[in-house]
Protein backbone atom coordinates (compact mmCIF):
# COMPACT_ATOMS: atom_id res chain seq x y z
CA MET A 1 -66.20 53.52 160.22
CA PRO A 2 -66.51 51.47 163.42
CA GLY A 3 -64.24 52.67 166.21
CA THR A 4 -63.71 56.06 164.59
CA LEU A 5 -64.20 59.04 166.87
CA PRO A 6 -66.51 61.78 165.60
CA GLU A 7 -64.77 64.88 164.28
CA ARG A 8 -65.06 67.56 166.94
CA PRO A 9 -63.47 70.93 167.68
CA LEU A 10 -60.67 71.07 170.27
CA SER A 11 -63.06 72.49 172.86
CA PRO A 12 -66.82 72.82 173.25
CA CYS A 13 -66.36 76.45 174.35
CA VAL A 14 -68.61 78.85 172.41
CA GLN A 15 -67.31 82.04 174.07
CA ILE A 16 -70.51 82.53 176.08
CA CYS A 17 -69.03 81.95 179.52
CA GLN A 18 -71.72 82.34 182.16
CA ILE A 19 -71.97 79.94 185.07
CA HIS A 20 -75.44 78.81 186.12
CA GLN A 21 -74.91 78.78 189.89
CA PRO A 22 -77.43 76.09 190.93
CA SER A 23 -76.01 73.51 188.51
CA GLN A 24 -72.44 74.90 188.39
CA THR A 25 -72.43 74.51 184.60
CA CYS A 26 -71.57 76.96 181.85
CA GLN A 27 -74.67 78.24 180.08
CA GLY A 28 -72.69 78.52 176.83
CA CYS A 29 -71.03 75.13 176.50
CA GLY A 30 -72.75 73.08 179.20
CA ARG A 31 -69.58 71.86 180.90
CA THR A 32 -69.14 71.79 184.65
CA LEU A 33 -66.52 73.98 186.31
CA ASP A 34 -64.35 70.88 186.87
CA GLU A 35 -64.63 69.88 183.20
CA ILE A 36 -63.67 73.39 182.10
CA ALA A 37 -60.70 73.51 184.48
CA CYS A 38 -59.38 70.06 183.49
CA TRP A 39 -60.24 70.08 179.77
CA SER A 40 -56.72 70.73 178.43
CA GLN A 41 -55.29 67.87 180.51
CA MET A 42 -58.05 65.36 179.74
CA THR A 43 -57.43 62.51 177.30
CA GLU A 44 -59.72 61.98 174.32
CA ALA A 45 -61.16 58.97 176.17
CA GLU A 46 -61.99 61.20 179.16
CA LYS A 47 -63.50 63.88 176.92
CA ALA A 48 -65.69 61.44 174.97
CA PRO A 49 -68.44 61.00 177.60
CA VAL A 50 -68.48 64.77 178.19
CA TRP A 51 -68.94 65.39 174.46
CA GLU A 52 -71.68 62.75 174.33
CA ARG A 53 -73.54 64.39 177.24
CA LEU A 54 -73.17 67.87 175.70
CA GLU A 55 -74.44 66.64 172.34
CA ALA A 56 -77.40 64.86 173.99
CA GLU A 57 -78.26 68.06 175.88
CA GLY A 58 -77.99 70.15 172.72
CA HIS A 59 -74.93 72.17 173.77
CA ALA A 60 -72.32 70.87 171.33
CA THR A 61 -72.37 72.21 167.79
CA PRO A 62 -71.20 69.88 165.03
CA VAL A 63 -67.94 70.89 163.34
CA ASN A 64 -69.58 71.17 159.92
CA ALA A 65 -72.62 73.12 161.13
């Protein structure tokens, strides 16, 4: 359906929380420290480009996987 957001989990966290210091990103989920810290306050519109980047980089796992 056009305009329908993909079905995603509440968070991209995969419980493998290790920060890659040079890039300041989590090696488990791929989010930056700022994204992790702000995630619960972000709107779905703010989360959408993060999800798209994570999916493009191969970090995000589909809900039905």
